[in-house]
Amino acid sequence: MARPRPSLHLDQTLALLADPYRHISHLCEEASSDAVETHFMLKQTTCLRGRDAAQVFYDEDHISRAGAMPAPIRRTLVGEGGVQGLDGDPHRARKRLFMSLMSPTRVTQLGELFEAEWARAEAAWAEAHEIVLYDAIQPVLTRAVCAWAGVPVEPGEEGQRVSQLRALFDAAGSRGPRHLWSRHARRQVDAWLASIVEQIREGQLSPGKETAAHVWASARDEAGELLPPKIAAVELANVLRPTVATSVYIVFVAHAVHAHPQAADRAVSDPVFRRAFVQEVRRFYPFFPAVIGRVRAPFDWRGHAFPEGRQVVLDLYGTNHDPAVWDNPGQFRPDRFLAGDENPFGFIPQGGGDHLAGHRCPGEWIVIELMQRAFELLGRTDYRLPEQDLEIDFRRLPALPKSGFRMAVLREPTAGGGA
């Protein structure tokens, strides 16, 4: 049955919440344009899709991020006062601090901690016999990133911290009680990490100078003053929360291994193809659906007027599946990344543009490292997949297989790994 044609005159908020990853592309396809004027959250909005549109969106002369993010997302996912809501010099100054954490040596160290925590968890997974990978991997990631970031987790509070960090990304886009839980979790996480910052400043804790906890406890604003503890806590959470959110991508790595066994087999023995496999997972599968900005100064683009203050939404998932950018975008083809041509505006699973000057996520190297390690670890873990529904639920935010990817983990590892 044909899908009904949407009316661009109607507010698209409910439709976007119902199908957060595909609705903007549907609007663009119906209008035969990469720019569509409509309404979102009762505001006149221009929705954009595609490489050229992304280049416009990430041009700070055109689009500002400051104050543009909807309050429900700002108060849960990214926190108040964080780097995502800054522009210009303040944004670049904060970004430099994030980038200072991303040296190859430090990224490798986080990967090694993740691998050690996976090994520690595997016995418990086998004891349980069956796990849901999305749930089981989050304590592993939390322990690894907290140790790496210099954030102590007190005995007995690990489950609480895992649950709170998960709520920041798993429930942020929800409505009703789950969104309220996410708001509560944000307050708890900010208070926890602000306390860590204050203890470091008072000399009660001494994490290594290379750690995120030390970097943010020592961070200063443009006037040379230490960041308020709450703001430093928000930025420290912007290291922990996205790392735990990599659980979504790790589930998709496992899904791709199951759904595309020939490509997975090649990736086992070919490190270059393994990285391409991981990049194709990031392109092909849904992660974050869209980003939002506001027009800084009036401009025109492809026959559309962008008046000052206009709300603009860029479709990340749709750009990663734009047939004008990607050949047969609905096919899973890792070989498309073998040439290393990862256009900063055409390939935007975690934002576009330049890492240092723009709003592209500085943690991409961490995500790639953890995904590659997860691929190798899945190959060394003996598991079987019970009967389940592995269809991707695009109406969920974040999207996941409907079953969450259930695995029956066996006690004795085998060289062949999972199947």
Protein backbone atom coordinates (compact mmCIF):
# COMPACT_ATOMS: atom_id res chain seq x y z
CA MET A 1 0.00 0.00 0.00
CA ALA A 2 1.36 3.42 -0.96
CA ARG A 3 2.36 5.66 1.88
CA PRO A 4 0.15 8.77 2.12
CA ARG A 5 1.76 11.97 0.91
CA PRO A 6 2.49 14.22 3.90
CA SER A 7 1.24 17.78 4.00
CA LEU A 8 4.17 20.16 4.47
CA HIS A 9 1.73 22.69 5.93
CA LEU A 10 1.13 20.46 8.94
CA ASP A 11 3.48 20.38 11.91
CA GLN A 12 5.79 17.38 11.48
CA THR A 13 6.69 16.84 15.15
CA LEU A 14 4.53 13.77 15.77
CA ALA A 15 5.42 12.24 12.40
CA LEU A 16 9.13 12.76 13.08
CA LEU A 17 8.86 11.24 16.55
CA ALA A 18 7.04 8.26 15.04
CA ASP A 19 9.72 7.69 12.38
CA PRO A 20 12.79 9.72 13.44
CA TYR A 21 15.27 8.26 10.96
CA ARG A 22 13.29 8.18 7.71
CA HIS A 23 10.66 10.89 7.84
CA ILE A 24 12.80 13.80 6.63
CA SER A 25 14.04 11.76 3.67
CA HIS A 26 10.43 10.90 2.89
CA LEU A 27 9.56 14.61 2.86
CA CYS A 28 12.53 15.34 0.58
CA GLU A 29 11.65 12.53 -1.80
CA GLU A 30 8.03 13.66 -2.03
CA ALA A 31 9.16 17.21 -2.78
CA SER A 32 12.03 16.07 -5.11
CA SER A 33 14.33 18.43 -3.24
CA ASP A 34 17.10 18.35 -0.66
CA ALA A 35 15.50 21.32 1.10
CA VAL A 36 11.92 21.22 2.37
CA GLU A 37 10.09 23.99 4.21
CA THR A 38 7.64 22.79 6.86
CA HIS A 39 6.95 23.11 10.59
CA PHE A 40 8.54 21.32 13.52
CA MET A 41 7.69 21.96 17.17
CA LEU A 42 5.30 24.65 15.88
CA LYS A 43 8.22 26.57 14.33
CA GLN A 44 8.76 27.21 10.64
CA THR A 45 11.58 24.85 9.73
CA THR A 46 13.70 23.99 6.72
CA CYS A 47 14.76 20.34 6.57
CA LEU A 48 17.95 19.52 4.66
CA ARG A 49 19.47 16.32 3.30
CA GLY A 50 22.60 15.50 1.31
CA ARG A 51 26.28 16.35 1.05
CA ASP A 52 25.85 19.88 -0.30
CA ALA A 53 23.16 20.61 2.26
CA ALA A 54 25.44 19.38 5.05
CA GLN A 55 28.17 21.72 3.86
CA VAL A 56 25.73 24.61 4.16
CA PHE A 57 24.52 23.46 7.58
CA TYR A 58 28.03 23.24 9.03
CA ASP A 59 29.04 26.68 7.71
CA GLU A 60 29.05 28.86 10.84
CA ASP A 61 28.54 31.96 8.70
CA HIS A 62 25.11 30.54 7.84
CA ILE A 63 23.96 28.32 10.70
CA SER A 64 24.37 28.72 14.45
CA ARG A 65 24.04 25.89 16.96
CA ALA A 66 23.83 28.12 20.03
CA GLY A 67 20.39 27.89 21.60
CA ALA A 68 18.98 25.84 18.74
CA MET A 69 18.72 22.42 20.38
CA PRO A 70 15.24 21.62 21.74
CA ALA A 71 15.13 21.91 25.52
CA PRO A 72 14.07 18.27 26.12
CA ILE A 73 17.21 17.03 24.30
CA ARG A 74 19.49 19.65 25.82
CA ARG A 75 18.31 18.76 29.32
CA THR A 76 18.88 15.05 28.84
CA LEU A 77 21.21 13.98 26.05
CA VAL A 78 23.89 16.68 26.02
CA GLY A 79 23.33 18.70 29.19
CA GLU A 80 23.10 22.45 29.76
CA GLY A 81 26.13 24.50 28.73
CA GLY A 82 27.96 21.76 26.83
CA VAL A 83 30.09 22.07 23.72
CA GLN A 84 27.25 21.06 21.38
CA GLY A 85 25.45 24.33 22.04
CA LEU A 86 28.42 26.65 21.47
CA ASP A 87 29.68 28.47 18.38
CA GLY A 88 32.78 30.40 17.36
CA ASP A 89 35.80 30.78 19.62
CA PRO A 90 34.14 29.32 22.76
CA HIS A 91 33.24 26.21 20.77
CA ARG A 92 36.71 25.85 19.30
CA ALA A 93 38.34 26.28 22.73
CA ARG A 94 36.20 23.50 24.24
CA LYS A 95 36.76 21.33 21.17
CA ARG A 96 40.54 21.58 21.56
CA LEU A 97 40.22 20.07 25.03
CA PHE A 98 38.17 17.17 23.69
CA MET A 99 40.64 16.65 20.87
CA SER A 100 43.53 16.58 23.37
CA LEU A 101 42.03 13.35 24.74
CA MET A 102 42.06 11.61 21.37
CA SER A 103 45.72 10.76 20.80
CA PRO A 104 46.23 7.36 19.14
CA THR A 105 47.95 6.08 22.28
CA ARG A 106 45.07 7.05 24.53
CA VAL A 107 42.44 5.69 22.14
CA THR A 108 44.33 2.38 22.03
CA GLN A 109 44.45 2.33 25.84
CA LEU A 110 40.68 2.65 25.99
CA GLY A 111 40.37 -0.19 23.49
CA GLU A 112 42.60 -2.37 25.68
CA LEU A 113 40.51 -1.60 28.77
CA PHE A 114 37.36 -2.46 26.83
CA GLU A 115 38.85 -5.77 25.72
CA ALA A 116 39.86 -6.63 29.29
CA GLU A 117 36.39 -5.82 30.61
CA TRP A 118 34.79 -7.94 27.87
CA ALA A 119 36.94 -10.89 28.97
CA ARG A 120 35.92 -10.27 32.57
CA ALA A 121 32.22 -10.22 31.62
CA GLU A 122 32.30 -13.24 29.33
CA ALA A 123 32.28 -15.80 32.16
CA ALA A 124 29.15 -14.19 33.62
CA TRP A 125 27.53 -14.19 30.18
CA ALA A 126 28.22 -17.90 29.85
CA GLU A 127 26.84 -18.49 33.34
CA ALA A 128 23.64 -16.69 32.34
CA HIS A 129 23.66 -18.72 29.13
CA GLU A 130 21.64 -16.09 27.25
CA ILE A 131 22.18 -12.33 27.20
CA VAL A 132 20.80 -9.32 25.38
CA LEU A 133 23.94 -7.80 23.90
CA TYR A 134 22.72 -4.19 24.19
CA ASP A 135 22.16 -4.60 27.94
CA ALA A 136 25.22 -6.75 28.62
CA ILE A 137 27.77 -4.54 26.87
CA GLN A 138 26.89 -1.31 28.71
CA PRO A 139 28.50 -2.26 32.06
CA VAL A 140 31.59 -3.31 30.08
CA LEU A 141 31.79 0.08 28.37
CA THR A 142 31.05 1.96 31.60
CA ARG A 143 33.83 0.24 33.54
CA ALA A 144 36.28 0.75 30.69
CA VAL A 145 35.58 4.43 30.04
CA CYS A 146 35.39 5.41 33.73
CA ALA A 147 38.79 3.79 34.36
CA TRP A 148 40.20 5.47 31.25
CA ALA A 149 38.72 8.88 32.12
CA GLY A 150 39.92 8.83 35.72
CA VAL A 151 36.39 8.72 37.14
CA PRO A 152 36.16 6.46 40.19
CA VAL A 153 33.05 4.30 40.56
CA GLU A 154 32.41 3.38 44.16
CA PRO A 155 31.76 -0.26 45.11
CA GLY A 156 28.10 -1.06 44.80
CA GLU A 157 27.22 1.92 42.58
CA GLU A 158 28.20 0.49 39.19
CA GLY A 159 24.66 -0.61 38.31
CA GLN A 160 23.30 2.80 39.23
CA ARG A 161 25.86 4.64 37.07
CA VAL A 162 25.33 2.31 34.11
CA SER A 163 21.58 2.88 34.32
CA GLN A 164 21.96 6.65 34.57
CA LEU A 165 24.40 6.96 31.67
CA ARG A 166 22.19 4.75 29.54
CA ALA A 167 19.15 6.90 30.31
CA LEU A 168 20.89 9.96 28.89
CA PHE A 169 20.82 8.52 25.36
CA ASP A 170 18.31 5.66 25.48
CA ALA A 171 15.41 7.63 26.97
CA ALA A 172 16.23 11.21 25.94
CA GLY A 173 14.00 11.10 22.86
CA SER A 174 11.13 9.38 24.63
CA ARG A 175 7.91 10.85 25.91
CA GLY A 176 6.20 10.43 29.26
CA PRO A 177 7.79 8.59 32.19
CA ARG A 178 10.89 7.46 30.30
CA HIS A 179 11.75 11.05 29.39
CA LEU A 180 11.24 12.09 33.02
CA TRP A 181 13.61 9.30 34.04
CA SER A 182 16.17 10.67 31.59
CA ARG A 183 15.82 14.16 33.10
CA HIS A 184 16.32 12.71 36.59
CA ALA A 185 19.33 10.70 35.42
CA ARG A 186 20.89 13.86 33.94
CA ARG A 187 20.62 15.62 37.31
CA GLN A 188 22.18 12.62 39.05
CA VAL A 189 25.05 12.30 36.54
CA ASP A 190 25.80 16.03 36.66
CA ALA A 191 25.88 16.00 40.47
CA TRP A 192 28.11 12.90 40.56
CA LEU A 193 30.62 14.29 38.09
CA ALA A 194 30.56 17.80 39.58
CA SER A 195 31.56 16.18 42.87
CA ILE A 196 34.45 14.43 41.09
CA VAL A 197 35.58 17.77 39.61
CA GLU A 198 35.47 19.45 43.01
CA GLN A 199 37.41 16.62 44.65
CA ILE A 200 40.13 16.92 42.02
CA ARG A 201 40.34 20.70 42.49
CA GLU A 202 40.60 20.22 46.25
CA GLY A 203 43.35 17.61 45.91
CA GLN A 204 41.24 14.75 47.23
CA LEU A 205 41.52 12.89 43.91
CA SER A 206 44.56 12.85 41.63
CA PRO A 207 43.79 11.26 38.26
CA GLY A 208 46.52 11.31 35.62
CA LYS A 209 46.99 14.55 33.70
CA GLU A 210 46.09 12.73 30.47
CA THR A 211 42.64 11.74 31.76
CA ALA A 212 39.35 13.41 30.90
CA ALA A 213 38.60 13.99 34.59
CA HIS A 214 41.82 15.98 35.05
CA VAL A 215 41.40 17.88 31.78
CA TRP A 216 37.87 19.05 32.60
CA ALA A 217 38.59 19.76 36.25
CA SER A 218 41.42 22.04 35.04
CA ALA A 219 39.51 23.62 32.13
CA ARG A 220 39.10 27.39 32.03
CA ASP A 221 36.78 29.73 30.17
CA GLU A 222 37.69 32.61 27.84
CA ALA A 223 38.31 34.87 30.85
CA GLY A 224 40.79 32.42 32.35
CA GLU A 225 38.43 31.31 35.12
CA LEU A 226 37.90 27.65 35.96
CA LEU A 227 34.72 26.32 34.40
CA PRO A 228 31.88 26.09 36.92
CA PRO A 229 31.82 22.53 38.34
CA LYS A 230 28.44 21.83 36.72
CA ILE A 231 29.70 22.82 33.24
CA ALA A 232 32.89 20.80 33.71
CA ALA A 233 30.67 17.89 34.78
CA VAL A 234 28.55 18.22 31.63
CA GLU A 235 31.67 18.04 29.45
CA LEU A 236 33.02 15.06 31.41
CA ALA A 237 29.66 13.37 30.84
CA ASN A 238 30.16 14.18 27.14
CA VAL A 239 33.07 11.75 27.29
CA LEU A 240 31.35 8.99 29.30
CA ARG A 241 27.86 9.05 27.78
CA PRO A 242 28.83 8.77 24.08
CA THR A 243 31.24 5.93 24.89
CA VAL A 244 28.49 3.95 26.61
CA ALA A 245 26.20 4.82 23.67
CA THR A 246 28.65 2.93 21.43
CA SER A 247 26.69 -0.09 22.70
CA VAL A 248 24.24 0.73 19.88
CA TYR A 249 26.97 0.44 17.25
CA ILE A 250 28.37 -2.73 18.82
CA VAL A 251 24.94 -4.35 18.52
CA PHE A 252 24.92 -3.30 14.86
CA VAL A 253 28.38 -4.81 14.36
CA ALA A 254 27.00 -8.11 15.68
CA HIS A 255 23.92 -7.74 13.48
CA ALA A 256 26.08 -7.09 10.40
CA VAL A 257 28.27 -10.12 11.17
CA HIS A 258 25.12 -12.25 11.22
CA ALA A 259 23.40 -10.60 8.22
CA HIS A 260 26.48 -10.34 5.97
CA PRO A 261 28.67 -13.37 6.73
CA GLN A 262 30.77 -13.20 3.55
CA ALA A 263 31.85 -9.62 4.27
CA ALA A 264 32.45 -10.53 7.92
CA ASP A 265 34.63 -13.50 6.93
CA ARG A 266 36.79 -11.26 4.76
CA ALA A 267 37.09 -8.72 7.59
CA VAL A 268 38.45 -11.38 9.95
CA SER A 269 41.70 -11.77 8.03
CA ASP A 270 42.00 -8.35 6.39
CA PRO A 271 42.49 -5.39 8.80
CA VAL A 272 41.93 -2.82 6.04
CA PHE A 273 38.64 -4.44 5.09
CA ARG A 274 37.75 -4.73 8.80
CA ARG A 275 37.91 -0.97 9.15
CA ALA A 276 35.85 -0.60 5.97
CA PHE A 277 33.32 -3.06 7.43
CA VAL A 278 33.03 -0.92 10.57
CA GLN A 279 32.65 2.29 8.54
CA GLU A 280 29.91 0.69 6.47
CA VAL A 281 28.12 -0.29 9.69
CA ARG A 282 28.27 3.37 10.71
CA ARG A 283 26.87 4.47 7.36
CA PHE A 284 24.29 1.74 6.84
CA TYR A 285 22.73 1.41 10.29
CA PRO A 286 20.78 4.17 12.11
CA PHE A 287 22.50 5.92 15.02
CA PHE A 288 21.61 9.59 15.55
CA PRO A 289 18.85 10.77 13.18
CA ALA A 290 19.29 14.53 12.77
CA VAL A 291 20.83 17.73 14.15
CA ILE A 292 19.28 21.15 14.52
CA GLY A 293 20.50 24.72 14.05
CA ARG A 294 19.27 28.25 13.49
CA VAL A 295 20.01 30.67 10.66
CA ARG A 296 22.60 33.22 11.80
CA ALA A 297 22.28 35.64 8.87
CA PRO A 298 19.89 35.57 5.90
CA PHE A 299 20.98 33.66 2.79
CA ASP A 300 19.54 31.83 -0.22
CA TRP A 301 20.34 28.29 -1.31
CA ARG A 302 18.90 26.43 -4.30
CA GLY A 303 15.88 28.68 -4.54
CA HIS A 304 15.08 28.57 -0.82
CA ALA A 305 15.26 31.65 1.38
CA PHE A 306 16.76 31.17 4.83
CA PRO A 307 15.68 34.16 6.93
CA GLU A 308 17.50 35.03 10.14
CA GLY A 309 16.33 32.85 13.04
CA ARG A 310 14.84 30.11 10.82
CA GLN A 311 15.08 26.66 12.40
CA VAL A 312 17.06 24.21 10.23
CA VAL A 313 17.21 20.43 10.64
CA LEU A 314 19.87 18.33 8.89
CA ASP A 315 19.02 14.68 8.19
CA LEU A 316 22.10 12.65 9.19
CA TYR A 317 20.68 9.21 8.44
CA GLY A 318 19.17 10.39 5.16
CA THR A 319 22.48 11.94 4.04
CA ASN A 320 24.25 8.64 4.74
CA HIS A 321 21.66 6.99 2.46
CA ASP A 322 21.37 9.70 -0.18
CA PRO A 323 21.46 8.06 -3.64
CA ALA A 324 23.08 11.23 -4.98
CA VAL A 325 26.06 10.52 -2.70
CA TRP A 326 26.07 6.73 -2.34
CA ASP A 327 25.75 4.10 -5.05
CA ASN A 328 22.97 1.66 -4.06
CA PRO A 329 22.76 3.07 -0.52
CA GLY A 330 20.38 0.34 0.62
CA GLN A 331 23.06 -2.32 0.10
CA PHE A 332 25.63 -3.20 2.77
CA ARG A 333 28.93 -2.86 0.89
CA PRO A 334 32.09 -2.29 2.95
CA ASP A 335 34.22 -2.09 -0.19
CA ARG A 336 32.87 1.42 -0.79
CA PHE A 337 35.24 2.56 2.01
CA LEU A 338 38.38 0.81 0.78
CA ALA A 339 39.51 3.90 -1.11
CA GLY A 340 39.42 5.85 2.15
CA ASP A 341 37.22 8.55 0.61
CA GLU A 342 35.20 9.52 3.67
CA ASN A 343 33.79 12.89 2.65
CA PRO A 344 33.33 15.07 5.76
CA PHE A 345 29.91 16.20 4.53
CA GLY A 346 28.67 13.07 2.76
CA PHE A 347 29.56 10.60 5.51
CA ILE A 348 28.13 12.09 8.70
CA PRO A 349 27.00 9.42 11.18
CA GLN A 350 28.33 11.58 14.04
CA GLY A 351 28.10 15.01 12.46
CA GLY A 352 29.92 16.64 9.59
CA GLY A 353 32.73 19.02 8.79
CA ASP A 354 36.05 19.41 10.57
CA HIS A 355 36.69 17.79 13.95
CA LEU A 356 38.57 20.71 15.44
CA ALA A 357 36.85 23.76 13.97
CA GLY A 358 33.39 22.29 13.35
CA HIS A 359 30.76 20.24 15.12
CA ARG A 360 31.90 16.80 13.98
CA CYS A 361 32.11 14.48 17.00
CA PRO A 362 35.69 14.32 18.37
CA GLY A 363 35.03 10.80 19.67
CA GLU A 364 34.84 9.17 16.23
CA TRP A 365 38.24 7.54 16.73
CA ILE A 366 37.01 5.99 19.99
CA VAL A 367 33.89 4.64 18.30
CA ILE A 368 35.90 3.08 15.45
CA GLU A 369 38.40 1.57 17.90
CA LEU A 370 35.69 0.03 20.06
CA MET A 371 33.72 -1.27 17.08
CA GLN A 372 36.80 -2.91 15.57
CA ARG A 373 37.66 -4.49 18.91
CA ALA A 374 34.07 -5.68 19.30
CA PHE A 375 34.24 -7.30 15.86
CA GLU A 376 37.37 -9.22 16.86
CA LEU A 377 35.95 -10.16 20.27
CA LEU A 378 32.73 -11.45 18.75
CA GLY A 379 34.86 -13.66 16.55
CA ARG A 380 36.54 -15.12 19.64
CA THR A 381 33.34 -15.58 21.62
CA ASP A 382 31.47 -18.83 21.13
CA TYR A 383 27.80 -17.97 20.88
CA ARG A 384 24.64 -19.01 19.11
CA LEU A 385 21.63 -16.91 18.20
CA PRO A 386 18.28 -18.13 19.54
CA GLU A 387 15.17 -17.65 17.43
CA GLN A 388 14.36 -13.94 17.61
CA ASP A 389 13.22 -10.88 15.68
CA LEU A 390 16.31 -9.15 14.28
CA GLU A 391 14.40 -6.59 12.21
CA ILE A 392 15.62 -3.07 12.97
CA ASP A 393 13.02 -1.03 14.84
CA PHE A 394 13.32 2.38 13.18
CA ARG A 395 10.63 3.83 15.41
CA ARG A 396 12.80 3.35 18.47
CA LEU A 397 15.33 6.05 19.39
CA PRO A 398 18.04 4.85 19.31
CA ALA A 399 17.06 2.23 16.75
CA LEU A 400 17.91 -1.38 17.60
CA PRO A 401 16.99 -4.90 16.51
CA LYS A 402 13.55 -5.61 17.95
CA SER A 403 14.99 -8.44 20.04
CA GLY A 404 17.94 -6.34 21.26
CA PHE A 405 20.19 -9.07 19.74
CA ARG A 406 19.94 -12.07 22.04
CA MET A 407 22.98 -14.34 22.28
CA ALA A 408 23.40 -17.74 23.90
CA VAL A 409 27.01 -17.63 25.10
CA LEU A 410 28.73 -20.99 25.54
CA ARG A 411 31.27 -21.82 28.22
CA GLU A 412 34.12 -23.05 26.01
CA PRO A 413 35.37 -20.50 23.42
CA THR A 414 36.15 -21.82 19.99
CA ALA A 415 38.40 -20.50 17.27
CA GLY A 416 35.46 -20.10 14.90
CA GLY A 417 33.59 -17.59 17.03
CA GLY A 418 29.90 -16.73 16.74
CA ALA A 419 27.46 -17.75 14.10
